[in-house]
Amino acid sequence: MKRHSGVRRAQLLIDLAKRTVGSKQAASAYKLHLEHLLAEYDLASSQLQTIEDEVKTVLEQIPYAGKILDIKGVSVIALAGVLGESGDLAAIPMETH
């Protein structure tokens, strides 16, 4: 996960705020609040990446998961959701049974 777009957006907001009418005394408080929001964003992004990595690790243990992930448009998270709801797809009877 990258935070570059968030940083650019924050810089744009800061630049716009410098040219608007408003409280000049509260600028440091706004800056601190913005820094806290960016820190929360970084934490959430890091946690999401950790979860996605763990999901990938679990899916690697499922023999047929790689074949399903080869299907265009199927993401790791989508497959994990489907398998979480449906259970083991290998247990579903096929036409050849």
PDB file of N, CA and C in Angstrom:
ATOM      1  N   MET A   1       0.832  -1.172   0.000  1.00  0.00           N
ATOM      2  CA  MET A   1       0.000   0.000   0.000  1.00  0.00           C
ATOM      3  C   MET A   1       0.878   1.238   0.000  1.00  0.00           C
ATOM      4  N   LYS A   2       0.505   2.212  -0.776  1.00  0.00           N
ATOM      5  CA  LYS A   2       1.273   3.438  -0.863  1.00  0.00           C
ATOM      6  C   LYS A   2       0.465   4.588  -0.291  1.00  0.00           C
ATOM      7  N   ARG A   3       1.154   5.529   0.291  1.00  0.00           N
ATOM      8  CA  ARG A   3       0.456   6.658   0.860  1.00  0.00           C
ATOM      9  C   ARG A   3       0.694   7.912   0.043  1.00  0.00           C
ATOM     10  N   HIS A   4       1.365   7.791  -1.075  1.00  0.00           N
ATOM     11  CA  HIS A   4       1.738   8.965  -1.849  1.00  0.00           C
ATOM     12  C   HIS A   4       0.539   9.825  -2.216  1.00  0.00           C
ATOM     13  N   SER A   5      -0.557   9.226  -2.627  1.00  0.00           N
ATOM     14  CA  SER A   5      -1.713  10.027  -3.012  1.00  0.00           C
ATOM     15  C   SER A   5      -2.282  10.755  -1.807  1.00  0.00           C
ATOM     16  N   GLY A   6      -2.230  10.154  -0.642  1.00  0.00           N
ATOM     17  CA  GLY A   6      -2.691  10.816   0.575  1.00  0.00           C
ATOM     18  C   GLY A   6      -1.818  11.995   0.938  1.00  0.00           C
ATOM     19  N   VAL A   7      -0.524  11.860   0.735  1.00  0.00           N
ATOM     20  CA  VAL A   7       0.401  12.950   1.029  1.00  0.00           C
ATOM     21  C   VAL A   7       0.152  14.104   0.070  1.00  0.00           C
ATOM     22  N   ARG A   8      -0.021  13.796  -1.206  1.00  0.00           N
ATOM     23  CA  ARG A   8      -0.295  14.852  -2.194  1.00  0.00           C
ATOM     24  C   ARG A   8      -1.599  15.561  -1.866  1.00  0.00           C
ATOM     25  N   ARG A   9      -2.594  14.800  -1.486  1.00  0.00           N
ATOM     26  CA  ARG A   9      -3.880  15.398  -1.145  1.00  0.00           C
ATOM     27  C   ARG A   9      -3.749  16.279   0.095  1.00  0.00           C
ATOM     28  N   ALA A  10      -3.000  15.815   1.066  1.00  0.00           N
ATOM     29  CA  ALA A  10      -2.791  16.605   2.275  1.00  0.00           C
ATOM     30  C   ALA A  10      -2.050  17.896   1.944  1.00  0.00           C
ATOM     31  N   GLN A  11      -1.041  17.816   1.092  1.00  0.00           N
ATOM     32  CA  GLN A  11      -0.295  19.015   0.711  1.00  0.00           C
ATOM     33  C   GLN A  11      -1.197  19.987  -0.035  1.00  0.00           C
ATOM     34  N   LEU A  12      -2.063  19.472  -0.889  1.00  0.00           N
ATOM     35  CA  LEU A  12      -3.008  20.322  -1.604  1.00  0.00           C
ATOM     36  C   LEU A  12      -3.932  21.029  -0.625  1.00  0.00           C
ATOM     37  N   LEU A  13      -4.434  20.303   0.365  1.00  0.00           N
ATOM     38  CA  LEU A  13      -5.300  20.912   1.379  1.00  0.00           C
ATOM     39  C   LEU A  13      -4.564  21.983   2.164  1.00  0.00           C
ATOM     40  N   ILE A  14      -3.316  21.723   2.499  1.00  0.00           N
ATOM     41  CA  ILE A  14      -2.522  22.711   3.236  1.00  0.00           C
ATOM     42  C   ILE A  14      -2.324  23.956   2.382  1.00  0.00           C
ATOM     43  N   ASP A  15      -1.989  23.767   1.109  1.00  0.00           N
ATOM     44  CA  ASP A  15      -1.787  24.907   0.210  1.00  0.00           C
ATOM     45  C   ASP A  15      -3.067  25.718   0.042  1.00  0.00           C
ATOM     46  N   LEU A  16      -4.194  25.026  -0.108  1.00  0.00           N
ATOM     47  CA  LEU A  16      -5.468  25.731  -0.225  1.00  0.00           C
ATOM     48  C   LEU A  16      -5.818  26.466   1.062  1.00  0.00           C
ATOM     49  N   ALA A  17      -5.536  25.858   2.187  1.00  0.00           N
ATOM     50  CA  ALA A  17      -5.850  26.477   3.474  1.00  0.00           C
ATOM     51  C   ALA A  17      -5.050  27.750   3.696  1.00  0.00           C
ATOM     52  N   LYS A  18      -3.857  27.828   3.149  1.00  0.00           N
ATOM     53  CA  LYS A  18      -3.031  29.032   3.306  1.00  0.00           C
ATOM     54  C   LYS A  18      -3.654  30.227   2.599  1.00  0.00           C
ATOM     55  N   ARG A  19      -4.473  29.963   1.579  1.00  0.00           N
ATOM     56  CA  ARG A  19      -5.049  31.049   0.797  1.00  0.00           C
ATOM     57  C   ARG A  19      -6.510  31.317   1.137  1.00  0.00           C
ATOM     58  N   THR A  20      -7.057  30.658   2.124  1.00  0.00           N
ATOM     59  CA  THR A  20      -8.465  30.844   2.454  1.00  0.00           C
ATOM     60  C   THR A  20      -8.610  31.706   3.694  1.00  0.00           C
ATOM     61  N   VAL A  21      -9.810  32.212   3.864  1.00  0.00           N
ATOM     62  CA  VAL A  21     -10.112  33.011   5.047  1.00  0.00           C
ATOM     63  C   VAL A  21     -10.380  32.041   6.187  1.00  0.00           C
ATOM     64  N   GLY A  22      -9.825  32.322   7.326  1.00  0.00           N
ATOM     65  CA  GLY A  22     -10.040  31.436   8.463  1.00  0.00           C
ATOM     66  C   GLY A  22      -9.092  31.758   9.591  1.00  0.00           C
ATOM     67  N   SER A  23      -9.122  30.960  10.575  1.00  0.00           N
ATOM     68  CA  SER A  23      -8.307  31.174  11.763  1.00  0.00           C
ATOM     69  C   SER A  23      -6.855  30.825  11.484  1.00  0.00           C
ATOM     70  N   LYS A  24      -5.997  31.811  11.563  1.00  0.00           N
ATOM     71  CA  LYS A  24      -4.560  31.569  11.378  1.00  0.00           C
ATOM     72  C   LYS A  24      -3.956  30.954  12.640  1.00  0.00           C
ATOM     73  N   GLN A  25      -4.586  31.208  13.785  1.00  0.00           N
ATOM     74  CA  GLN A  25      -4.058  30.697  15.043  1.00  0.00           C
ATOM     75  C   GLN A  25      -4.225  29.190  15.164  1.00  0.00           C
ATOM     76  N   ALA A  26      -5.186  28.642  14.482  1.00  0.00           N
ATOM     77  CA  ALA A  26      -5.467  27.211  14.622  1.00  0.00           C
ATOM     78  C   ALA A  26      -4.672  26.365  13.637  1.00  0.00           C
ATOM     79  N   ALA A  27      -3.789  26.981  12.877  1.00  0.00           N
ATOM     80  CA  ALA A  27      -3.051  26.242  11.849  1.00  0.00           C
ATOM     81  C   ALA A  27      -2.250  25.093  12.436  1.00  0.00           C
ATOM     82  N   SER A  28      -1.610  25.313  13.569  1.00  0.00           N
ATOM     83  CA  SER A  28      -0.814  24.230  14.164  1.00  0.00           C
ATOM     84  C   SER A  28      -1.709  23.084  14.625  1.00  0.00           C
ATOM     85  N   ALA A  29      -2.892  23.400  15.125  1.00  0.00           N
ATOM     86  CA  ALA A  29      -3.824  22.348  15.546  1.00  0.00           C
ATOM     87  C   ALA A  29      -4.311  21.559  14.336  1.00  0.00           C
ATOM     88  N   TYR A  30      -4.599  22.259  13.249  1.00  0.00           N
ATOM     89  CA  TYR A  30      -5.025  21.576  12.025  1.00  0.00           C
ATOM     90  C   TYR A  30      -3.915  20.691  11.481  1.00  0.00           C
ATOM     91  N   LYS A  31      -2.698  21.210  11.526  1.00  0.00           N
ATOM     92  CA  LYS A  31      -1.555  20.436  11.040  1.00  0.00           C
ATOM     93  C   LYS A  31      -1.373  19.177  11.882  1.00  0.00           C
ATOM     94  N   LEU A  32      -1.484  19.316  13.199  1.00  0.00           N
ATOM     95  CA  LEU A  32      -1.353  18.164  14.092  1.00  0.00           C
ATOM     96  C   LEU A  32      -2.453  17.143  13.811  1.00  0.00           C
ATOM     97  N   HIS A  33      -3.669  17.632  13.625  1.00  0.00           N
ATOM     98  CA  HIS A  33      -4.784  16.727  13.334  1.00  0.00           C
ATOM     99  C   HIS A  33      -4.548  15.998  12.011  1.00  0.00           C
ATOM    100  N   LEU A  34      -4.074  16.726  11.025  1.00  0.00           N
ATOM    101  CA  LEU A  34      -3.784  16.114   9.732  1.00  0.00           C
ATOM    102  C   LEU A  34      -2.687  15.064   9.859  1.00  0.00           C
ATOM    103  N   GLU A  35      -1.672  15.347  10.650  1.00  0.00           N
ATOM    104  CA  GLU A  35      -0.605  14.367  10.885  1.00  0.00           C
ATOM    105  C   GLU A  35      -1.158  13.114  11.548  1.00  0.00           C
ATOM    106  N   HIS A  36      -2.079  13.290  12.487  1.00  0.00           N
ATOM    107  CA  HIS A  36      -2.701  12.137  13.147  1.00  0.00           C
ATOM    108  C   HIS A  36      -3.527  11.318  12.158  1.00  0.00           C
ATOM    109  N   LEU A  37      -4.255  12.009  11.298  1.00  0.00           N
ATOM    110  CA  LEU A  37      -5.042  11.296  10.289  1.00  0.00           C
ATOM    111  C   LEU A  37      -4.145  10.511   9.342  1.00  0.00           C
ATOM    112  N   LEU A  38      -3.029  11.101   8.940  1.00  0.00           N
ATOM    113  CA  LEU A  38      -2.092  10.392   8.061  1.00  0.00           C
ATOM    114  C   LEU A  38      -1.476   9.191   8.772  1.00  0.00           C
ATOM    115  N   ALA A  39      -1.197   9.338  10.064  1.00  0.00           N
ATOM    116  CA  ALA A  39      -0.654   8.214  10.831  1.00  0.00           C
ATOM    117  C   ALA A  39      -1.684   7.084  10.920  1.00  0.00           C
ATOM    118  N   GLU A  40      -2.951   7.441  11.122  1.00  0.00           N
ATOM    119  CA  GLU A  40      -4.008   6.427  11.158  1.00  0.00           C
ATOM    120  C   GLU A  40      -4.136   5.731   9.807  1.00  0.00           C
ATOM    121  N   TYR A  41      -4.031   6.497   8.739  1.00  0.00           N
ATOM    122  CA  TYR A  41      -4.098   5.930   7.393  1.00  0.00           C
ATOM    123  C   TYR A  41      -2.949   4.953   7.172  1.00  0.00           C
ATOM    124  N   ASP A  42      -1.744   5.359   7.579  1.00  0.00           N
ATOM    125  CA  ASP A  42      -0.582   4.477   7.436  1.00  0.00           C
ATOM    126  C   ASP A  42      -0.770   3.188   8.228  1.00  0.00           C
ATOM    127  N   LEU A  43      -1.294   3.307   9.454  1.00  0.00           N
ATOM    128  CA  LEU A  43      -1.529   2.129  10.285  1.00  0.00           C
ATOM    129  C   LEU A  43      -2.558   1.206   9.635  1.00  0.00           C
ATOM    130  N   ALA A  44      -3.664   1.776   9.163  1.00  0.00           N
ATOM    131  CA  ALA A  44      -4.699   0.962   8.523  1.00  0.00           C
ATOM    132  C   ALA A  44      -4.159   0.283   7.266  1.00  0.00           C
ATOM    133  N   SER A  45      -3.366   1.003   6.489  1.00  0.00           N
ATOM    134  CA  SER A  45      -2.775   0.419   5.278  1.00  0.00           C
ATOM    135  C   SER A  45      -1.839  -0.725   5.626  1.00  0.00           C
ATOM    136  N   SER A  46      -1.052  -0.539   6.662  1.00  0.00           N
ATOM    137  CA  SER A  46      -0.120  -1.575   7.100  1.00  0.00           C
ATOM    138  C   SER A  46      -0.873  -2.810   7.595  1.00  0.00           C
ATOM    139  N   GLN A  47      -1.921  -2.585   8.368  1.00  0.00           N
ATOM    140  CA  GLN A  47      -2.716  -3.701   8.870  1.00  0.00           C
ATOM    141  C   GLN A  47      -3.399  -4.445   7.727  1.00  0.00           C
ATOM    142  N   LEU A  48      -3.903  -3.710   6.748  1.00  0.00           N
ATOM    143  CA  LEU A  48      -4.541  -4.336   5.594  1.00  0.00           C
ATOM    144  C   LEU A  48      -3.541  -5.183   4.824  1.00  0.00           C
ATOM    145  N   GLN A  49      -2.333  -4.678   4.634  1.00  0.00           N
ATOM    146  CA  GLN A  49      -1.308  -5.434   3.921  1.00  0.00           C
ATOM    147  C   GLN A  49      -0.950  -6.705   4.683  1.00  0.00           C
ATOM    148  N   THR A  50      -0.867  -6.621   6.008  1.00  0.00           N
ATOM    149  CA  THR A  50      -0.572  -7.794   6.834  1.00  0.00           C
ATOM    150  C   THR A  50      -1.667  -8.849   6.677  1.00  0.00           C
ATOM    151  N   ILE A  51      -2.910  -8.411   6.687  1.00  0.00           N
ATOM    152  CA  ILE A  51      -4.032  -9.338   6.532  1.00  0.00           C
ATOM    153  C   ILE A  51      -4.008  -9.978   5.148  1.00  0.00           C
ATOM    154  N   GLU A  52      -3.774  -9.168   4.115  1.00  0.00           N
ATOM    155  CA  GLU A  52      -3.720  -9.714   2.756  1.00  0.00           C
ATOM    156  C   GLU A  52      -2.591 -10.728   2.615  1.00  0.00           C
ATOM    157  N   ASP A  53      -1.448 -10.453   3.227  1.00  0.00           N
ATOM    158  CA  ASP A  53      -0.331 -11.401   3.180  1.00  0.00           C
ATOM    159  C   ASP A  53      -0.693 -12.709   3.875  1.00  0.00           C
ATOM    160  N   GLU A  54      -1.383 -12.614   5.002  1.00  0.00           N
ATOM    161  CA  GLU A  54      -1.796 -13.811   5.737  1.00  0.00           C
ATOM    162  C   GLU A  54      -2.810 -14.617   4.926  1.00  0.00           C
ATOM    163  N   VAL A  55      -3.741 -13.925   4.280  1.00  0.00           N
ATOM    164  CA  VAL A  55      -4.732 -14.606   3.442  1.00  0.00           C
ATOM    165  C   VAL A  55      -4.035 -15.338   2.298  1.00  0.00           C
ATOM    166  N   LYS A  56      -3.053 -14.694   1.668  1.00  0.00           N
ATOM    167  CA  LYS A  56      -2.296 -15.340   0.589  1.00  0.00           C
ATOM    168  C   LYS A  56      -1.608 -16.600   1.094  1.00  0.00           C
ATOM    169  N   THR A  57      -1.033 -16.525   2.291  1.00  0.00           N
ATOM    170  CA  THR A  57      -0.350 -17.677   2.874  1.00  0.00           C
ATOM    171  C   THR A  57      -1.319 -18.836   3.083  1.00  0.00           C
ATOM    172  N   VAL A  58      -2.494 -18.532   3.583  1.00  0.00           N
ATOM    173  CA  VAL A  58      -3.494 -19.577   3.811  1.00  0.00           C
ATOM    174  C   VAL A  58      -3.969 -20.156   2.479  1.00  0.00           C
ATOM    175  N   LEU A  59      -4.201 -19.304   1.488  1.00  0.00           N
ATOM    176  CA  LEU A  59      -4.673 -19.794   0.188  1.00  0.00           C
ATOM    177  C   LEU A  59      -3.635 -20.664  -0.503  1.00  0.00           C
ATOM    178  N   GLU A  60      -2.367 -20.425  -0.246  1.00  0.00           N
ATOM    179  CA  GLU A  60      -1.313 -21.257  -0.841  1.00  0.00           C
ATOM    180  C   GLU A  60      -1.396 -22.702  -0.361  1.00  0.00           C
ATOM    181  N   GLN A  61      -2.061 -22.941   0.758  1.00  0.00           N
ATOM    182  CA  GLN A  61      -2.202 -24.285   1.303  1.00  0.00           C
ATOM    183  C   GLN A  61      -3.386 -25.035   0.678  1.00  0.00           C
ATOM    184  N   ILE A  62      -4.196 -24.335  -0.092  1.00  0.00           N
ATOM    185  CA  ILE A  62      -5.357 -24.952  -0.737  1.00  0.00           C
ATOM    186  C   ILE A  62      -4.956 -25.309  -2.164  1.00  0.00           C
ATOM    187  N   PRO A  63      -4.999 -26.601  -2.508  1.00  0.00           N
ATOM    188  CA  PRO A  63      -4.464 -27.053  -3.796  1.00  0.00           C
ATOM    189  C   PRO A  63      -5.067 -26.370  -5.027  1.00  0.00           C
ATOM    190  N   TYR A  64      -6.350 -26.144  -5.047  1.00  0.00           N
ATOM    191  CA  TYR A  64      -7.006 -25.606  -6.235  1.00  0.00           C
ATOM    192  C   TYR A  64      -7.080 -24.079  -6.245  1.00  0.00           C
ATOM    193  N   ALA A  65      -6.630 -23.418  -5.194  1.00  0.00           N
ATOM    194  CA  ALA A  65      -6.745 -21.959  -5.108  1.00  0.00           C
ATOM    195  C   ALA A  65      -5.954 -21.257  -6.209  1.00  0.00           C
ATOM    196  N   GLY A  66      -4.784 -21.780  -6.528  1.00  0.00           N
ATOM    197  CA  GLY A  66      -3.966 -21.167  -7.572  1.00  0.00           C
ATOM    198  C   GLY A  66      -4.660 -21.158  -8.918  1.00  0.00           C
ATOM    199  N   LYS A  67      -5.377 -22.241  -9.224  1.00  0.00           N
ATOM    200  CA  LYS A  67      -6.096 -22.322 -10.502  1.00  0.00           C
ATOM    201  C   LYS A  67      -7.224 -21.296 -10.558  1.00  0.00           C
ATOM    202  N   ILE A  68      -7.892 -21.117  -9.431  1.00  0.00           N
ATOM    203  CA  ILE A  68      -8.983 -20.136  -9.392  1.00  0.00           C
ATOM    204  C   ILE A  68      -8.421 -18.722  -9.491  1.00  0.00           C
ATOM    205  N   LEU A  69      -7.291 -18.479  -8.846  1.00  0.00           N
ATOM    206  CA  LEU A  69      -6.676 -17.151  -8.903  1.00  0.00           C
ATOM    207  C   LEU A  69      -6.165 -16.814 -10.302  1.00  0.00           C
ATOM    208  N   ASP A  70      -5.947 -17.821 -11.132  1.00  0.00           N
ATOM    209  CA  ASP A  70      -5.525 -17.578 -12.515  1.00  0.00           C
ATOM    210  C   ASP A  70      -6.652 -16.986 -13.361  1.00  0.00           C
ATOM    211  N   ILE A  71      -7.879 -17.094 -12.883  1.00  0.00           N
ATOM    212  CA  ILE A  71      -9.019 -16.530 -13.604  1.00  0.00           C
ATOM    213  C   ILE A  71      -8.948 -15.011 -13.499  1.00  0.00           C
ATOM    214  N   LYS A  72      -9.016 -14.347 -14.633  1.00  0.00           N
ATOM    215  CA  LYS A  72      -8.928 -12.893 -14.667  1.00  0.00           C
ATOM    216  C   LYS A  72     -10.053 -12.269 -13.840  1.00  0.00           C
ATOM    217  N   GLY A  73      -9.690 -11.353 -12.964  1.00  0.00           N
ATOM    218  CA  GLY A  73     -10.674 -10.644 -12.151  1.00  0.00           C
ATOM    219  C   GLY A  73     -10.900 -11.233 -10.774  1.00  0.00           C
ATOM    220  N   VAL A  74     -10.371 -12.410 -10.504  1.00  0.00           N
ATOM    221  CA  VAL A  74     -10.529 -13.025  -9.183  1.00  0.00           C
ATOM    222  C   VAL A  74      -9.336 -12.614  -8.330  1.00  0.00           C
ATOM    223  N   SER A  75      -9.619 -11.893  -7.260  1.00  0.00           N
ATOM    224  CA  SER A  75      -8.549 -11.446  -6.367  1.00  0.00           C
ATOM    225  C   SER A  75      -8.407 -12.400  -5.189  1.00  0.00           C
ATOM    226  N   VAL A  76      -7.326 -12.237  -4.479  1.00  0.00           N
ATOM    227  CA  VAL A  76      -7.071 -13.064  -3.298  1.00  0.00           C
ATOM    228  C   VAL A  76      -8.188 -12.876  -2.278  1.00  0.00           C
ATOM    229  N   ILE A  77      -8.570 -11.634  -2.050  1.00  0.00           N
ATOM    230  CA  ILE A  77      -9.603 -11.346  -1.054  1.00  0.00           C
ATOM    231  C   ILE A  77     -10.957 -11.902  -1.504  1.00  0.00           C
ATOM    232  N   ALA A  78     -11.272 -11.778  -2.795  1.00  0.00           N
ATOM    233  CA  ALA A  78     -12.541 -12.311  -3.301  1.00  0.00           C
ATOM    234  C   ALA A  78     -12.595 -13.824  -3.139  1.00  0.00           C
ATOM    235  N   LEU A  79     -11.507 -14.495  -3.499  1.00  0.00           N
ATOM    236  CA  LEU A  79     -11.474 -15.952  -3.366  1.00  0.00           C
ATOM    237  C   LEU A  79     -11.579 -16.366  -1.903  1.00  0.00           C
ATOM    238  N   ALA A  80     -10.898 -15.659  -1.031  1.00  0.00           N
ATOM    239  CA  ALA A  80     -10.978 -15.976   0.399  1.00  0.00           C
ATOM    240  C   ALA A  80     -12.409 -15.819   0.901  1.00  0.00           C
ATOM    241  N   GLY A  81     -13.102 -14.794   0.422  1.00  0.00           N
ATOM    242  CA  GLY A  81     -14.498 -14.594   0.815  1.00  0.00           C
ATOM    243  C   GLY A  81     -15.396 -15.717   0.326  1.00  0.00           C
ATOM    244  N   VAL A  82     -15.205 -16.121  -0.924  1.00  0.00           N
ATOM    245  CA  VAL A  82     -16.014 -17.214  -1.489  1.00  0.00           C
ATOM    246  C   VAL A  82     -15.761 -18.509  -0.726  1.00  0.00           C
ATOM    247  N   LEU A  83     -14.489 -18.824  -0.510  1.00  0.00           N
ATOM    248  CA  LEU A  83     -14.170 -20.067   0.207  1.00  0.00           C
ATOM    249  C   LEU A  83     -14.622 -20.002   1.665  1.00  0.00           C
ATOM    250  N   GLY A  84     -14.559 -18.822   2.247  1.00  0.00           N
ATOM    251  CA  GLY A  84     -15.025 -18.665   3.622  1.00  0.00           C
ATOM    252  C   GLY A  84     -16.516 -18.918   3.754  1.00  0.00           C
ATOM    253  N   GLU A  85     -17.271 -18.524   2.741  1.00  0.00           N
ATOM    254  CA  GLU A  85     -18.724 -18.712   2.768  1.00  0.00           C
ATOM    255  C   GLU A  85     -19.142 -20.108   2.320  1.00  0.00           C
ATOM    256  N   SER A  86     -18.438 -20.657   1.333  1.00  0.00           N
ATOM    257  CA  SER A  86     -18.873 -21.932   0.754  1.00  0.00           C
ATOM    258  C   SER A  86     -18.182 -23.145   1.353  1.00  0.00           C
ATOM    259  N   GLY A  87     -17.004 -22.946   1.906  1.00  0.00           N
ATOM    260  CA  GLY A  87     -16.249 -24.080   2.422  1.00  0.00           C
ATOM    261  C   GLY A  87     -15.405 -24.714   1.334  1.00  0.00           C
ATOM    262  N   ASP A  88     -15.024 -25.945   1.540  1.00  0.00           N
ATOM    263  CA  ASP A  88     -14.138 -26.659   0.621  1.00  0.00           C
ATOM    264  C   ASP A  88     -14.867 -26.976  -0.681  1.00  0.00           C
ATOM    265  N   LEU A  89     -14.416 -26.364  -1.769  1.00  0.00           N
ATOM    266  CA  LEU A  89     -15.054 -26.599  -3.066  1.00  0.00           C
ATOM    267  C   LEU A  89     -14.784 -27.998  -3.590  1.00  0.00           C
ATOM    268  N   ALA A  90     -13.732 -28.641  -3.105  1.00  0.00           N
ATOM    269  CA  ALA A  90     -13.425 -30.006  -3.542  1.00  0.00           C
ATOM    270  C   ALA A  90     -14.494 -30.990  -3.072  1.00  0.00           C
ATOM    271  N   ALA A  91     -15.255 -30.628  -2.057  1.00  0.00           N
ATOM    272  CA  ALA A  91     -16.298 -31.513  -1.540  1.00  0.00           C
ATOM    273  C   ALA A  91     -17.581 -31.449  -2.369  1.00  0.00           C
ATOM    274  N   ILE A  92     -17.661 -30.492  -3.289  1.00  0.00           N
ATOM    275  CA  ILE A  92     -18.855 -30.369  -4.128  1.00  0.00           C
ATOM    276  C   ILE A  92     -18.802 -31.425  -5.228  1.00  0.00           C
ATOM    277  N   PRO A  93     -19.876 -32.203  -5.387  1.00  0.00           N
ATOM    278  CA  PRO A  93     -19.873 -33.241  -6.424  1.00  0.00           C
ATOM    279  C   PRO A  93     -19.759 -32.640  -7.823  1.00  0.00           C
ATOM    280  N   MET A  94     -19.041 -33.346  -8.683  1.00  0.00           N
ATOM    281  CA  MET A  94     -18.885 -32.912 -10.074  1.00  0.00           C
ATOM    282  C   MET A  94     -19.716 -33.816 -10.970  1.00  0.00           C
ATOM    283  N   GLU A  95     -19.825 -33.436 -12.226  1.00  0.00           N
ATOM    284  CA  GLU A  95     -20.594 -34.240 -13.178  1.00  0.00           C
ATOM    285  C   GLU A  95     -20.004 -35.635 -13.331  1.00  0.00           C
ATOM    286  N   THR A  96     -18.701 -35.775 -13.159  1.00  0.00           N
ATOM    287  CA  THR A  96     -18.050 -37.069 -13.360  1.00  0.00           C
ATOM    288  C   THR A  96     -18.300 -38.030 -12.210  1.00  0.00           C
ATOM    289  N   HIS A  97     -18.869 -37.569 -11.123  1.00  0.00           N
ATOM    290  CA  HIS A  97     -19.124 -38.470  -9.985  1.00  0.00           C
ATOM    291  C   HIS A  97     -20.370 -39.276 -10.177  1.00  0.00           C
TER     292      HIS A  97
END
